C-alpha cells in the first residue's frame, strides 16, 4: 500500500505527541497492545477521540 506524505517534517512532532499521549493515557496503550493480536491491520486499528 502506498502512502502520500504531505509534510514529512511533521513526523517528529507527531511522534512526540504520541509519546506524550501514551504517558498521559496508559489505558490507551494497554488497549492497543491487547487488541493488536486480534485485529487485522488492513481492517481495523485502535483510535481515540479528542
N, C-alpha and C. Protein backbone atom coordinates (compact mmCIF):
# COMPACT_ATOMS: atom_id res chain seq x y z
N UNK A 1 0.85 -1.17 0.00
CA UNK A 1 0.00 0.00 0.00
C UNK A 1 0.90 1.24 0.00
N UNK A 2 0.70 2.12 -0.91
CA UNK A 2 1.47 3.35 -1.00
C UNK A 2 0.78 4.48 -0.26
N UNK A 3 1.56 5.31 0.39
CA UNK A 3 1.04 6.46 1.11
C UNK A 3 1.66 7.73 0.55
N UNK A 4 0.88 8.79 0.52
CA UNK A 4 1.40 10.09 0.11
C UNK A 4 1.56 10.93 1.37
N UNK A 5 2.77 11.39 1.60
CA UNK A 5 3.07 12.19 2.79
C UNK A 5 3.14 13.64 2.37
N UNK A 6 2.29 14.46 2.98
CA UNK A 6 2.25 15.86 2.60
C UNK A 6 3.43 16.63 3.17
N UNK A 7 3.77 16.42 4.44
CA UNK A 7 4.88 17.14 5.05
C UNK A 7 5.60 16.23 6.03
N UNK A 8 6.66 15.58 5.57
CA UNK A 8 7.41 14.63 6.40
C UNK A 8 8.08 15.33 7.57
N UNK A 9 8.23 16.64 7.49
CA UNK A 9 8.84 17.41 8.57
C UNK A 9 8.02 17.39 9.85
N UNK A 10 6.76 17.03 9.76
CA UNK A 10 5.89 16.98 10.94
C UNK A 10 5.97 15.63 11.66
N UNK A 11 6.71 14.69 11.12
CA UNK A 11 6.76 13.34 11.69
C UNK A 11 7.30 13.34 13.11
N UNK A 12 8.37 14.08 13.37
CA UNK A 12 8.95 14.10 14.70
C UNK A 12 7.99 14.69 15.72
N UNK A 13 7.32 15.76 15.36
CA UNK A 13 6.34 16.37 16.26
C UNK A 13 5.19 15.39 16.54
N UNK A 14 4.73 14.71 15.52
CA UNK A 14 3.65 13.73 15.71
C UNK A 14 4.08 12.59 16.61
N UNK A 15 5.31 12.12 16.45
CA UNK A 15 5.81 11.04 17.30
C UNK A 15 5.87 11.48 18.75
N UNK A 16 6.32 12.74 18.99
CA UNK A 16 6.37 13.27 20.36
C UNK A 16 4.97 13.34 20.97
N UNK A 17 3.99 13.76 20.17
CA UNK A 17 2.62 13.84 20.68
C UNK A 17 2.09 12.46 21.04
N UNK A 18 2.43 11.46 20.25
CA UNK A 18 2.02 10.09 20.55
C UNK A 18 2.66 9.62 21.86
N UNK A 19 3.94 9.91 22.04
CA UNK A 19 4.63 9.51 23.28
C UNK A 19 4.01 10.19 24.50
N UNK A 20 3.67 11.46 24.38
CA UNK A 20 3.02 12.18 25.49
C UNK A 20 1.66 11.55 25.80
N UNK A 21 0.89 11.26 24.76
CA UNK A 21 -0.42 10.66 24.95
C UNK A 21 -0.31 9.29 25.62
N UNK A 22 0.70 8.51 25.25
CA UNK A 22 0.88 7.20 25.86
C UNK A 22 1.20 7.31 27.35
N UNK A 23 1.95 8.35 27.73
CA UNK A 23 2.27 8.56 29.14
C UNK A 23 1.05 9.06 29.91
N UNK A 24 0.28 9.98 29.29
CA UNK A 24 -0.89 10.56 29.95
C UNK A 24 -2.08 9.61 29.99
N UNK A 25 -2.16 8.69 29.04
CA UNK A 25 -3.29 7.77 28.95
C UNK A 25 -2.79 6.34 28.81
N UNK A 26 -2.30 5.75 29.90
CA UNK A 26 -1.75 4.40 29.81
C UNK A 26 -2.78 3.37 29.38
N UNK A 27 -4.05 3.64 29.62
CA UNK A 27 -5.11 2.71 29.19
C UNK A 27 -5.18 2.59 27.70
N UNK A 28 -4.86 3.68 26.99
CA UNK A 28 -4.87 3.65 25.53
C UNK A 28 -3.80 2.70 25.01
N UNK A 29 -2.62 2.79 25.58
CA UNK A 29 -1.53 1.89 25.18
C UNK A 29 -1.87 0.44 25.51
N UNK A 30 -2.47 0.24 26.66
CA UNK A 30 -2.85 -1.10 27.07
C UNK A 30 -3.90 -1.68 26.12
N UNK A 31 -4.88 -0.88 25.76
CA UNK A 31 -5.92 -1.34 24.84
C UNK A 31 -5.33 -1.63 23.47
N UNK A 32 -4.40 -0.81 23.03
CA UNK A 32 -3.76 -1.01 21.73
C UNK A 32 -2.98 -2.32 21.73
N UNK A 33 -2.24 -2.57 22.80
CA UNK A 33 -1.44 -3.79 22.87
C UNK A 33 -2.31 -5.03 23.01
N UNK A 34 -3.44 -4.91 23.69
CA UNK A 34 -4.35 -6.04 23.86
C UNK A 34 -5.07 -6.36 22.55
N UNK A 35 -5.49 -5.33 21.84
CA UNK A 35 -6.25 -5.52 20.61
C UNK A 35 -5.38 -5.89 19.42
N UNK A 36 -4.12 -5.53 19.46
CA UNK A 36 -3.24 -5.72 18.30
C UNK A 36 -3.23 -7.15 17.77
N UNK A 37 -3.08 -8.17 18.60
CA UNK A 37 -3.05 -9.53 18.04
C UNK A 37 -4.39 -9.97 17.44
N UNK A 38 -5.48 -9.33 17.89
CA UNK A 38 -6.81 -9.75 17.46
C UNK A 38 -7.31 -9.01 16.23
N UNK A 39 -6.64 -7.93 15.85
CA UNK A 39 -7.11 -7.13 14.74
C UNK A 39 -6.21 -7.27 13.53
N UNK A 40 -6.81 -7.29 12.40
CA UNK A 40 -6.05 -7.26 11.16
C UNK A 40 -5.72 -5.81 10.85
N UNK A 41 -4.47 -5.50 10.55
CA UNK A 41 -4.07 -4.13 10.27
C UNK A 41 -4.82 -3.57 9.06
N UNK A 42 -5.20 -4.42 8.15
CA UNK A 42 -5.88 -3.96 6.95
C UNK A 42 -7.33 -3.57 7.24
N UNK A 43 -7.89 -4.06 8.34
CA UNK A 43 -9.31 -3.85 8.59
C UNK A 43 -9.64 -2.94 9.77
N UNK A 44 -8.77 -2.86 10.74
CA UNK A 44 -9.11 -2.08 11.93
C UNK A 44 -7.86 -1.62 12.66
N UNK A 45 -8.01 -0.55 13.41
CA UNK A 45 -6.91 -0.07 14.24
C UNK A 45 -7.50 0.68 15.43
N UNK A 46 -6.81 0.68 16.57
CA UNK A 46 -7.30 1.43 17.72
C UNK A 46 -7.34 2.92 17.41
N UNK A 47 -8.35 3.60 17.92
CA UNK A 47 -8.47 5.03 17.67
C UNK A 47 -8.98 5.72 18.92
N UNK A 48 -8.72 6.99 19.03
CA UNK A 48 -9.19 7.77 20.17
C UNK A 48 -9.76 9.08 19.67
N UNK A 49 -10.77 9.58 20.35
CA UNK A 49 -11.37 10.86 20.01
C UNK A 49 -10.92 11.89 21.02
N UNK A 50 -10.69 13.09 20.56
CA UNK A 50 -10.29 14.16 21.48
C UNK A 50 -11.39 15.17 21.61
